[in-house]
Amino acid sequence: PYTDALAPAFHEINAAWIADMFTLEPHDEHVLSHPREAIIDRGGVILF
């Protein structure tokens, strides 16, 4: 499950594939940089 210690891995893994195939959009940057705020604190789930 998500922990704040894993937040850098969330950003790194996703930023890599998105930037490789597309362009990181503002929505991507927000979610990847603030996963607790954008997902967890709103009732969402992040798994690794």
All heavy atoms as atom14 arrays in JSON, in Angstrom:
{
  "sequence": "PYTDALAPAFHEINAAWIADMFTLEPHDEHVLSHPREAIIDRGGVILF",
  "atom14_mask": [
    [1, 1, 1, 1, 1, 1, 1, 0, 0, 0, 0, 0, 0, 0],
    [1, 1, 1, 1, 1, 1, 1, 1, 1, 1, 1, 1, 0, 0],
    [1, 1, 1, 1, 1, 1, 1, 0, 0, 0, 0, 0, 0, 0],
    [1, 1, 1, 1, 1, 1, 1, 1, 0, 0, 0, 0, 0, 0],
    [1, 1, 1, 1, 1, 0, 0, 0, 0, 0, 0, 0, 0, 0],
    [1, 1, 1, 1, 1, 1, 1, 1, 0, 0, 0, 0, 0, 0],
    [1, 1, 1, 1, 1, 0, 0, 0, 0, 0, 0, 0, 0, 0],
    [1, 1, 1, 1, 1, 1, 1, 0, 0, 0, 0, 0, 0, 0],
    [1, 1, 1, 1, 1, 0, 0, 0, 0, 0, 0, 0, 0, 0],
    [1, 1, 1, 1, 1, 1, 1, 1, 1, 1, 1, 0, 0, 0],
    [1, 1, 1, 1, 1, 1, 1, 1, 1, 1, 0, 0, 0, 0],
    [1, 1, 1, 1, 1, 1, 1, 1, 1, 0, 0, 0, 0, 0],
    [1, 1, 1, 1, 1, 1, 1, 1, 0, 0, 0, 0, 0, 0],
    [1, 1, 1, 1, 1, 1, 1, 1, 0, 0, 0, 0, 0, 0],
    [1, 1, 1, 1, 1, 0, 0, 0, 0, 0, 0, 0, 0, 0],
    [1, 1, 1, 1, 1, 0, 0, 0, 0, 0, 0, 0, 0, 0],
    [1, 1, 1, 1, 1, 1, 1, 1, 1, 1, 1, 1, 1, 1],
    [1, 1, 1, 1, 1, 1, 1, 1, 0, 0, 0, 0, 0, 0],
    [1, 1, 1, 1, 1, 0, 0, 0, 0, 0, 0, 0, 0, 0],
    [1, 1, 1, 1, 1, 1, 1, 1, 0, 0, 0, 0, 0, 0],
    [1, 1, 1, 1, 1, 1, 1, 1, 0, 0, 0, 0, 0, 0],
    [1, 1, 1, 1, 1, 1, 1, 1, 1, 1, 1, 0, 0, 0],
    [1, 1, 1, 1, 1, 1, 1, 0, 0, 0, 0, 0, 0, 0],
    [1, 1, 1, 1, 1, 1, 1, 1, 0, 0, 0, 0, 0, 0],
    [1, 1, 1, 1, 1, 1, 1, 1, 1, 0, 0, 0, 0, 0],
    [1, 1, 1, 1, 1, 1, 1, 0, 0, 0, 0, 0, 0, 0],
    [1, 1, 1, 1, 1, 1, 1, 1, 1, 1, 0, 0, 0, 0],
    [1, 1, 1, 1, 1, 1, 1, 1, 0, 0, 0, 0, 0, 0],
    [1, 1, 1, 1, 1, 1, 1, 1, 1, 0, 0, 0, 0, 0],
    [1, 1, 1, 1, 1, 1, 1, 1, 1, 1, 0, 0, 0, 0],
    [1, 1, 1, 1, 1, 1, 1, 0, 0, 0, 0, 0, 0, 0],
    [1, 1, 1, 1, 1, 1, 1, 1, 0, 0, 0, 0, 0, 0],
    [1, 1, 1, 1, 1, 1, 0, 0, 0, 0, 0, 0, 0, 0],
    [1, 1, 1, 1, 1, 1, 1, 1, 1, 1, 0, 0, 0, 0],
    [1, 1, 1, 1, 1, 1, 1, 0, 0, 0, 0, 0, 0, 0],
    [1, 1, 1, 1, 1, 1, 1, 1, 1, 1, 1, 0, 0, 0],
    [1, 1, 1, 1, 1, 1, 1, 1, 1, 0, 0, 0, 0, 0],
    [1, 1, 1, 1, 1, 0, 0, 0, 0, 0, 0, 0, 0, 0],
    [1, 1, 1, 1, 1, 1, 1, 1, 0, 0, 0, 0, 0, 0],
    [1, 1, 1, 1, 1, 1, 1, 1, 0, 0, 0, 0, 0, 0],
    [1, 1, 1, 1, 1, 1, 1, 1, 0, 0, 0, 0, 0, 0],
    [1, 1, 1, 1, 1, 1, 1, 1, 1, 1, 1, 0, 0, 0],
    [1, 1, 1, 1, 0, 0, 0, 0, 0, 0, 0, 0, 0, 0],
    [1, 1, 1, 1, 0, 0, 0, 0, 0, 0, 0, 0, 0, 0],
    [1, 1, 1, 1, 1, 1, 1, 0, 0, 0, 0, 0, 0, 0],
    [1, 1, 1, 1, 1, 1, 1, 1, 0, 0, 0, 0, 0, 0],
    [1, 1, 1, 1, 1, 1, 1, 1, 0, 0, 0, 0, 0, 0],
    [1, 1, 1, 1, 1, 1, 1, 1, 1, 1, 1, 0, 0, 0]
  ],
  "atom14_positions": [
    [[0.83, -1.2, 0.0], [0.0, 0.0, 0.0], [0.87, 1.25, 0.0], [2.07, 1.2, 0.3], [-0.79, -0.12, 1.3], [0.13, -0.89, 2.21], [0.87, -1.86, 1.31], [0.0, 0.0, 0.0], [0.0, 0.0, 0.0], [0.0, 0.0, 0.0], [0.0, 0.0, 0.0], [0.0, 0.0, 0.0], [0.0, 0.0, 0.0], [0.0, 0.0, 0.0]],
    [[0.26, 2.36, -0.29], [0.94, 3.65, -0.3], [1.48, 4.0, 1.08], [0.8, 3.81, 2.09], [-0.02, 4.76, -0.75], [0.6, 6.13, -0.69], [1.35, 6.6, -1.76], [0.45, 6.94, 0.42], [1.94, 7.86, -1.71], [1.03, 8.2, 0.48], [1.78, 8.65, -0.59], [2.37, 9.89, -0.54], [0.0, 0.0, 0.0], [0.0, 0.0, 0.0]],
    [[2.68, 4.53, 1.08], [3.24, 5.23, 2.24], [3.93, 6.47, 1.68], [4.31, 6.49, 0.5], [4.28, 4.4, 3.02], [5.41, 4.17, 2.18], [3.7, 3.08, 3.51], [0.0, 0.0, 0.0], [0.0, 0.0, 0.0], [0.0, 0.0, 0.0], [0.0, 0.0, 0.0], [0.0, 0.0, 0.0], [0.0, 0.0, 0.0], [0.0, 0.0, 0.0]],
    [[4.1, 7.48, 2.5], [4.77, 8.68, 2.01], [6.19, 8.37, 1.55], [6.71, 9.03, 0.64], [4.78, 9.77, 3.09], [3.39, 10.36, 3.31], [2.55, 10.33, 2.38], [3.13, 10.85, 4.43], [0.0, 0.0, 0.0], [0.0, 0.0, 0.0], [0.0, 0.0, 0.0], [0.0, 0.0, 0.0], [0.0, 0.0, 0.0], [0.0, 0.0, 0.0]],
    [[6.81, 7.36, 2.12], [8.16, 6.98, 1.71], [8.19, 6.45, 0.27], [9.22, 6.52, -0.39], [8.73, 5.93, 2.66], [0.0, 0.0, 0.0], [0.0, 0.0, 0.0], [0.0, 0.0, 0.0], [0.0, 0.0, 0.0], [0.0, 0.0, 0.0], [0.0, 0.0, 0.0], [0.0, 0.0, 0.0], [0.0, 0.0, 0.0], [0.0, 0.0, 0.0]],
    [[7.06, 5.95, -0.21], [6.98, 5.43, -1.58], [6.55, 6.48, -2.6], [6.53, 6.2, -3.8], [6.04, 4.22, -1.64], [6.53, 2.96, -0.94], [5.44, 1.9, -0.9], [7.78, 2.43, -1.62], [0.0, 0.0, 0.0], [0.0, 0.0, 0.0], [0.0, 0.0, 0.0], [0.0, 0.0, 0.0], [0.0, 0.0, 0.0], [0.0, 0.0, 0.0]],
    [[6.22, 7.68, -2.14], [5.79, 8.75, -3.05], [6.81, 9.01, -4.16], [6.41, 9.2, -5.32], [5.47, 10.02, -2.28], [0.0, 0.0, 0.0], [0.0, 0.0, 0.0], [0.0, 0.0, 0.0], [0.0, 0.0, 0.0], [0.0, 0.0, 0.0], [0.0, 0.0, 0.0], [0.0, 0.0, 0.0], [0.0, 0.0, 0.0], [0.0, 0.0, 0.0]],
    [[8.12, 9.03, -3.89], [9.08, 9.24, -4.99], [9.0, 8.15, -6.06], [9.16, 8.45, -7.25], [10.44, 9.24, -4.28], [10.14, 9.68, -2.88], [8.8, 9.06, -2.58], [0.0, 0.0, 0.0], [0.0, 0.0, 0.0], [0.0, 0.0, 0.0], [0.0, 0.0, 0.0], [0.0, 0.0, 0.0], [0.0, 0.0, 0.0], [0.0, 0.0, 0.0]],
    [[8.76, 6.92, -5.68], [8.63, 5.84, -6.67], [7.38, 6.05, -7.52], [7.39, 5.79, -8.73], [8.59, 4.48, -5.97], [0.0, 0.0, 0.0], [0.0, 0.0, 0.0], [0.0, 0.0, 0.0], [0.0, 0.0, 0.0], [0.0, 0.0, 0.0], [0.0, 0.0, 0.0], [0.0, 0.0, 0.0], [0.0, 0.0, 0.0], [0.0, 0.0, 0.0]],
    [[6.3, 6.5, -6.91], [5.06, 6.8, -7.64], [5.35, 7.83, -8.73], [4.96, 7.67, -9.89], [3.99, 7.3, -6.67], [2.66, 7.62, -7.3], [1.83, 6.62, -7.75], [2.24, 8.94, -7.42], [0.6, 6.9, -8.32], [1.01, 9.24, -7.99], [0.19, 8.23, -8.44], [0.0, 0.0, 0.0], [0.0, 0.0, 0.0], [0.0, 0.0, 0.0]],
    [[6.05, 8.89, -8.35], [6.39, 9.95, -9.3], [7.33, 9.43, -10.38], [7.09, 9.61, -11.58], [7.03, 11.13, -8.56], [7.24, 12.33, -9.43], [8.25, 12.4, -10.37], [6.57, 13.49, -9.5], [8.19, 13.56, -10.99], [7.17, 14.24, -10.48], [0.0, 0.0, 0.0], [0.0, 0.0, 0.0], [0.0, 0.0, 0.0], [0.0, 0.0, 0.0]],
    [[8.41, 8.78, -9.97], [9.45, 8.34, -10.9], [8.92, 7.37, -11.96], [9.17, 7.53, -13.16], [10.59, 7.68, -10.12], [11.72, 7.17, -10.97], [12.77, 6.47, -10.12], [13.12, 6.99, -9.06], [13.21, 5.4, -10.55], [0.0, 0.0, 0.0], [0.0, 0.0, 0.0], [0.0, 0.0, 0.0], [0.0, 0.0, 0.0], [0.0, 0.0, 0.0]],
    [[8.2, 6.34, -11.53], [7.7, 5.33, -12.46], [6.73, 5.94, -13.46], [6.83, 5.69, -14.67], [7.05, 4.15, -11.69], [8.14, 3.37, -10.94], [6.26, 3.25, -12.63], [7.61, 2.39, -9.91], [0.0, 0.0, 0.0], [0.0, 0.0, 0.0], [0.0, 0.0, 0.0], [0.0, 0.0, 0.0], [0.0, 0.0, 0.0], [0.0, 0.0, 0.0]],
    [[5.81, 6.76, -12.98], [4.82, 7.35, -13.88], [5.4, 8.44, -14.76], [5.08, 8.5, -15.95], [3.63, 7.86, -13.08], [2.7, 6.75, -12.7], [2.09, 6.13, -13.56], [2.61, 6.46, -11.41], [0.0, 0.0, 0.0], [0.0, 0.0, 0.0], [0.0, 0.0, 0.0], [0.0, 0.0, 0.0], [0.0, 0.0, 0.0], [0.0, 0.0, 0.0]],
    [[6.23, 9.3, -14.21], [6.82, 10.37, -15.02], [7.65, 9.78, -16.15], [7.66, 10.32, -17.27], [7.67, 11.3, -14.14], [0.0, 0.0, 0.0], [0.0, 0.0, 0.0], [0.0, 0.0, 0.0], [0.0, 0.0, 0.0], [0.0, 0.0, 0.0], [0.0, 0.0, 0.0], [0.0, 0.0, 0.0], [0.0, 0.0, 0.0], [0.0, 0.0, 0.0]],
    [[8.31, 8.66, -15.9], [9.16, 8.04, -16.92], [8.34, 7.57, -18.12], [8.66, 7.9, -19.27], [9.94, 6.87, -16.32], [0.0, 0.0, 0.0], [0.0, 0.0, 0.0], [0.0, 0.0, 0.0], [0.0, 0.0, 0.0], [0.0, 0.0, 0.0], [0.0, 0.0, 0.0], [0.0, 0.0, 0.0], [0.0, 0.0, 0.0], [0.0, 0.0, 0.0]],
    [[7.25, 6.82, -17.88], [6.51, 6.3, -19.03], [5.72, 7.4, -19.73], [5.59, 7.41, -20.96], [5.64, 5.1, -18.68], [4.35, 5.36, -17.97], [4.1, 5.24, -16.64], [3.1, 5.75, -18.56], [2.8, 5.56, -16.36], [2.17, 5.87, -17.53], [2.7, 6.03, -19.86], [0.85, 6.25, -17.73], [1.37, 6.4, -20.08], [0.46, 6.51, -19.02]],
    [[5.18, 8.35, -18.95], [4.4, 9.43, -19.58], [5.32, 10.29, -20.45], [5.01, 10.57, -21.61], [3.67, 10.28, -18.53], [2.6, 9.44, -17.8], [3.0, 11.5, -19.19], [2.01, 10.1, -16.56], [0.0, 0.0, 0.0], [0.0, 0.0, 0.0], [0.0, 0.0, 0.0], [0.0, 0.0, 0.0], [0.0, 0.0, 0.0], [0.0, 0.0, 0.0]],
    [[6.47, 10.69, -19.92], [7.4, 11.53, -20.68], [7.97, 10.78, -21.88], [8.26, 11.39, -22.91], [8.52, 12.02, -19.77], [0.0, 0.0, 0.0], [0.0, 0.0, 0.0], [0.0, 0.0, 0.0], [0.0, 0.0, 0.0], [0.0, 0.0, 0.0], [0.0, 0.0, 0.0], [0.0, 0.0, 0.0], [0.0, 0.0, 0.0], [0.0, 0.0, 0.0]],
    [[8.12, 9.47, -21.76], [8.65, 8.67, -22.86], [7.67, 8.62, -24.04], [8.08, 8.66, -25.2], [8.96, 7.25, -22.38], [9.6, 6.4, -23.46], [10.61, 6.85, -24.05], [9.1, 5.28, -23.71], [0.0, 0.0, 0.0], [0.0, 0.0, 0.0], [0.0, 0.0, 0.0], [0.0, 0.0, 0.0], [0.0, 0.0, 0.0], [0.0, 0.0, 0.0]],
    [[6.38, 8.57, -23.74], [5.38, 8.41, -24.8], [4.64, 9.7, -25.15], [4.14, 9.84, -26.26], [4.36, 7.34, -24.4], [4.94, 5.96, -24.26], [3.69, 4.72, -23.96], [2.94, 4.59, -25.58], [0.0, 0.0, 0.0], [0.0, 0.0, 0.0], [0.0, 0.0, 0.0], [0.0, 0.0, 0.0], [0.0, 0.0, 0.0], [0.0, 0.0, 0.0]],
    [[4.54, 10.6, -24.18], [3.7, 11.79, -24.33], [4.43, 13.0, -23.74], [5.64, 13.02, -23.68], [2.33, 11.59, -23.65], [1.63, 10.34, -24.09], [1.6, 9.21, -23.29], [1.0, 10.28, -25.33], [0.96, 8.05, -23.7], [0.37, 9.11, -25.75], [0.34, 8.01, -24.93], [0.0, 0.0, 0.0], [0.0, 0.0, 0.0], [0.0, 0.0, 0.0]],
    [[3.65, 13.94, -23.25], [4.16, 15.1, -22.52], [3.46, 15.12, -21.17], [2.24, 14.91, -21.11], [3.83, 16.4, -23.3], [4.46, 16.34, -24.57], [4.32, 17.61, -22.54], [0.0, 0.0, 0.0], [0.0, 0.0, 0.0], [0.0, 0.0, 0.0], [0.0, 0.0, 0.0], [0.0, 0.0, 0.0], [0.0, 0.0, 0.0], [0.0, 0.0, 0.0]],
    [[4.22, 15.36, -20.12], [3.6, 15.51, -18.81], [2.71, 16.75, -18.84], [3.17, 17.84, -19.14], [4.66, 15.66, -17.72], [5.32, 14.38, -17.27], [6.53, 14.68, -16.39], [4.35, 13.5, -16.5], [0.0, 0.0, 0.0], [0.0, 0.0, 0.0], [0.0, 0.0, 0.0], [0.0, 0.0, 0.0], [0.0, 0.0, 0.0], [0.0, 0.0, 0.0]],
    [[1.44, 16.55, -18.54], [0.48, 17.64, -18.53], [0.38, 18.2, -17.1], [0.78, 17.53, -16.14], [-0.88, 17.13, -19.01], [-0.84, 16.61, -20.43], [-2.17, 16.06, -20.92], [-3.23, 16.54, -20.44], [-2.17, 15.17, -21.78], [0.0, 0.0, 0.0], [0.0, 0.0, 0.0], [0.0, 0.0, 0.0], [0.0, 0.0, 0.0], [0.0, 0.0, 0.0]],
    [[-0.16, 19.4, -16.93], [-0.28, 19.97, -15.58], [-1.0, 19.05, -14.59], [-0.6, 18.94, -13.44], [-1.06, 21.27, -15.81], [-0.7, 21.66, -17.22], [-0.58, 20.35, -17.97], [0.0, 0.0, 0.0], [0.0, 0.0, 0.0], [0.0, 0.0, 0.0], [0.0, 0.0, 0.0], [0.0, 0.0, 0.0], [0.0, 0.0, 0.0], [0.0, 0.0, 0.0]],
    [[-2.04, 18.36, -15.06], [-2.77, 17.44, -14.19], [-1.84, 16.3, -13.73], [-1.86, 15.91, -12.56], [-4.0, 16.88, -14.9], [-4.8, 15.92, -14.08], [-5.56, 16.32, -13.01], [-4.94, 14.57, -14.16], [-6.14, 15.25, -12.46], [-5.78, 14.18, -13.15], [0.0, 0.0, 0.0], [0.0, 0.0, 0.0], [0.0, 0.0, 0.0], [0.0, 0.0, 0.0]],
    [[-1.02, 15.79, -14.64], [-0.05, 14.75, -14.28], [0.9, 15.26, -13.2], [1.13, 14.59, -12.2], [0.82, 14.34, -15.49], [0.04, 13.71, -16.62], [-0.83, 12.87, -16.36], [0.34, 14.06, -17.78], [0.0, 0.0, 0.0], [0.0, 0.0, 0.0], [0.0, 0.0, 0.0], [0.0, 0.0, 0.0], [0.0, 0.0, 0.0], [0.0, 0.0, 0.0]],
    [[1.47, 16.42, -13.44], [2.44, 16.99, -12.5], [1.84, 17.15, -11.11], [2.48, 16.83, -10.11], [2.96, 18.34, -13.0], [3.94, 18.22, -14.14], [5.3, 17.65, -13.74], [5.54, 17.4, -12.53], [6.12, 17.45, -14.64], [0.0, 0.0, 0.0], [0.0, 0.0, 0.0], [0.0, 0.0, 0.0], [0.0, 0.0, 0.0], [0.0, 0.0, 0.0]],
    [[0.61, 17.62, -11.05], [-0.03, 17.82, -9.74], [-0.21, 16.48, -9.02], [0.17, 16.35, -7.85], [-1.38, 18.52, -9.89], [-2.12, 18.61, -8.59], [-1.76, 19.48, -7.59], [-3.17, 17.9, -8.12], [-2.56, 19.31, -6.55], [-3.43, 18.35, -6.86], [0.0, 0.0, 0.0], [0.0, 0.0, 0.0], [0.0, 0.0, 0.0], [0.0, 0.0, 0.0]],
    [[-0.78, 15.51, -9.7], [-1.05, 14.21, -9.08], [0.26, 13.52, -8.68], [0.37, 12.97, -7.58], [-1.9, 13.32, -10.01], [-2.02, 11.91, -9.45], [-3.29, 13.93, -10.2], [0.0, 0.0, 0.0], [0.0, 0.0, 0.0], [0.0, 0.0, 0.0], [0.0, 0.0, 0.0], [0.0, 0.0, 0.0], [0.0, 0.0, 0.0], [0.0, 0.0, 0.0]],
    [[1.25, 13.55, -9.56], [2.51, 12.86, -9.27], [3.3, 13.55, -8.16], [3.99, 12.89, -7.39], [3.37, 12.76, -10.53], [2.79, 11.92, -11.66], [3.72, 11.91, -12.86], [2.48, 10.5, -11.2], [0.0, 0.0, 0.0], [0.0, 0.0, 0.0], [0.0, 0.0, 0.0], [0.0, 0.0, 0.0], [0.0, 0.0, 0.0], [0.0, 0.0, 0.0]],
    [[3.2, 14.85, -8.08], [3.93, 15.6, -7.05], [3.22, 15.64, -5.71], [3.85, 15.9, -4.69], [4.19, 17.03, -7.53], [5.0, 17.02, -8.69], [0.0, 0.0, 0.0], [0.0, 0.0, 0.0], [0.0, 0.0, 0.0], [0.0, 0.0, 0.0], [0.0, 0.0, 0.0], [0.0, 0.0, 0.0], [0.0, 0.0, 0.0], [0.0, 0.0, 0.0]],
    [[1.92, 15.4, -5.71], [1.12, 15.48, -4.48], [0.17, 14.28, -4.36], [-1.05, 14.45, -4.29], [0.31, 16.78, -4.47], [1.13, 18.0, -4.68], [1.93, 18.55, -3.7], [1.3, 18.77, -5.79], [2.54, 19.61, -4.19], [2.19, 19.76, -5.46], [0.0, 0.0, 0.0], [0.0, 0.0, 0.0], [0.0, 0.0, 0.0], [0.0, 0.0, 0.0]],
    [[0.69, 13.05, -4.36], [-0.2, 11.89, -4.36], [-1.07, 11.77, -3.11], [-2.22, 11.33, -3.21], [0.75, 10.7, -4.49], [2.06, 11.21, -3.98], [2.1, 12.66, -4.35], [0.0, 0.0, 0.0], [0.0, 0.0, 0.0], [0.0, 0.0, 0.0], [0.0, 0.0, 0.0], [0.0, 0.0, 0.0], [0.0, 0.0, 0.0], [0.0, 0.0, 0.0]],
    [[-0.55, 12.18, -1.98], [-1.37, 12.11, -0.75], [-2.56, 13.06, -0.89], [-3.71, 12.68, -0.66], [-0.54, 12.43, 0.49], [-1.41, 12.51, 1.75], [-0.63, 12.53, 3.04], [-0.01, 11.25, 3.32], [-0.66, 10.16, 3.73], [-1.96, 10.16, 3.86], [0.0, 9.05, 3.98], [0.0, 0.0, 0.0], [0.0, 0.0, 0.0], [0.0, 0.0, 0.0]],
    [[-2.3, 14.29, -1.27], [-3.35, 15.3, -1.4], [-4.33, 14.95, -2.53], [-5.54, 15.02, -2.35], [-2.71, 16.66, -1.68], [-3.69, 17.76, -2.02], [-2.97, 19.0, -2.53], [-1.86, 19.31, -2.05], [-3.53, 19.67, -3.41], [0.0, 0.0, 0.0], [0.0, 0.0, 0.0], [0.0, 0.0, 0.0], [0.0, 0.0, 0.0], [0.0, 0.0, 0.0]],
    [[-3.8, 14.56, -3.69], [-4.63, 14.35, -4.87], [-5.41, 13.04, -4.84], [-6.48, 12.94, -5.45], [-3.76, 14.4, -6.13], [0.0, 0.0, 0.0], [0.0, 0.0, 0.0], [0.0, 0.0, 0.0], [0.0, 0.0, 0.0], [0.0, 0.0, 0.0], [0.0, 0.0, 0.0], [0.0, 0.0, 0.0], [0.0, 0.0, 0.0], [0.0, 0.0, 0.0]],
    [[-4.89, 12.04, -4.14], [-5.53, 10.71, -4.19], [-5.88, 10.19, -2.79], [-7.05, 9.96, -2.48], [-4.61, 9.7, -4.93], [-4.39, 10.17, -6.38], [-5.23, 8.29, -4.9], [-3.35, 9.38, -7.14], [0.0, 0.0, 0.0], [0.0, 0.0, 0.0], [0.0, 0.0, 0.0], [0.0, 0.0, 0.0], [0.0, 0.0, 0.0], [0.0, 0.0, 0.0]],
    [[-4.9, 9.98, -1.96], [-5.1, 9.31, -0.66], [-6.06, 10.07, 0.25], [-7.02, 9.5, 0.78], [-3.74, 9.07, 0.05], [-2.82, 8.21, -0.82], [-3.96, 8.48, 1.44], [-3.32, 6.81, -1.1], [0.0, 0.0, 0.0], [0.0, 0.0, 0.0], [0.0, 0.0, 0.0], [0.0, 0.0, 0.0], [0.0, 0.0, 0.0], [0.0, 0.0, 0.0]],
    [[-5.8, 11.37, 0.45], [-6.64, 12.15, 1.37], [-8.06, 12.34, 0.87], [-8.94, 12.72, 1.64], [-6.0, 13.52, 1.64], [-4.74, 13.43, 2.49], [-4.47, 12.35, 3.06], [-4.0, 14.44, 2.57], [0.0, 0.0, 0.0], [0.0, 0.0, 0.0], [0.0, 0.0, 0.0], [0.0, 0.0, 0.0], [0.0, 0.0, 0.0], [0.0, 0.0, 0.0]],
    [[-8.3, 12.04, -0.4], [-9.64, 12.15, -0.98], [-10.37, 10.81, -0.98], [-11.43, 10.68, -1.57], [-9.54, 12.7, -2.4], [-9.01, 14.15, -2.41], [-8.85, 14.72, -3.8], [-10.07, 14.58, -4.57], [-10.1, 14.09, -5.82], [-9.01, 13.72, -6.44], [-11.24, 14.0, -6.45], [0.0, 0.0, 0.0], [0.0, 0.0, 0.0], [0.0, 0.0, 0.0]],
    [[-9.76, 9.78, -0.36], [-10.41, 8.47, -0.29], [-9.94, 7.5, -1.35], [-10.53, 6.43, -1.51], [0.0, 0.0, 0.0], [0.0, 0.0, 0.0], [0.0, 0.0, 0.0], [0.0, 0.0, 0.0], [0.0, 0.0, 0.0], [0.0, 0.0, 0.0], [0.0, 0.0, 0.0], [0.0, 0.0, 0.0], [0.0, 0.0, 0.0], [0.0, 0.0, 0.0]],
    [[-8.88, 7.85, -2.06], [-8.37, 6.97, -3.1], [-7.33, 6.0, -2.58], [-7.04, 5.93, -1.39], [0.0, 0.0, 0.0], [0.0, 0.0, 0.0], [0.0, 0.0, 0.0], [0.0, 0.0, 0.0], [0.0, 0.0, 0.0], [0.0, 0.0, 0.0], [0.0, 0.0, 0.0], [0.0, 0.0, 0.0], [0.0, 0.0, 0.0], [0.0, 0.0, 0.0]],
    [[-6.78, 5.26, -3.5], [-5.85, 4.17, -3.19], [-4.66, 4.25, -4.15], [-4.85, 4.49, -5.34], [-6.55, 2.8, -3.38], [-5.58, 1.65, -3.22], [-7.74, 2.66, -2.45], [0.0, 0.0, 0.0], [0.0, 0.0, 0.0], [0.0, 0.0, 0.0], [0.0, 0.0, 0.0], [0.0, 0.0, 0.0], [0.0, 0.0, 0.0], [0.0, 0.0, 0.0]],
    [[-3.47, 4.03, -3.63], [-2.29, 3.85, -4.46], [-1.63, 2.55, -4.02], [-1.41, 2.34, -2.82], [-1.28, 5.01, -4.35], [-1.92, 6.34, -4.75], [-0.03, 4.73, -5.19], [-1.06, 7.56, -4.51], [0.0, 0.0, 0.0], [0.0, 0.0, 0.0], [0.0, 0.0, 0.0], [0.0, 0.0, 0.0], [0.0, 0.0, 0.0], [0.0, 0.0, 0.0]],
    [[-1.36, 1.68, -4.98], [-0.69, 0.42, -4.7], [0.62, 0.35, -5.47], [0.78, 0.99, -6.51], [-1.57, -0.77, -5.09], [-2.91, -0.91, -4.37], [-3.68, -2.1, -4.92], [-2.72, -1.02, -2.87], [0.0, 0.0, 0.0], [0.0, 0.0, 0.0], [0.0, 0.0, 0.0], [0.0, 0.0, 0.0], [0.0, 0.0, 0.0], [0.0, 0.0, 0.0]],
    [[1.52, -0.47, -4.95], [2.82, -0.7, -5.58], [3.04, -2.19, -5.72], [2.63, -2.95, -4.84], [3.94, -0.1, -4.73], [3.85, 1.38, -4.58], [3.06, 1.94, -3.59], [4.53, 2.23, -5.43], [2.95, 3.32, -3.46], [4.44, 3.61, -5.31], [3.64, 4.15, -4.32], [0.0, 0.0, 0.0], [0.0, 0.0, 0.0], [0.0, 0.0, 0.0]]
  ]
}
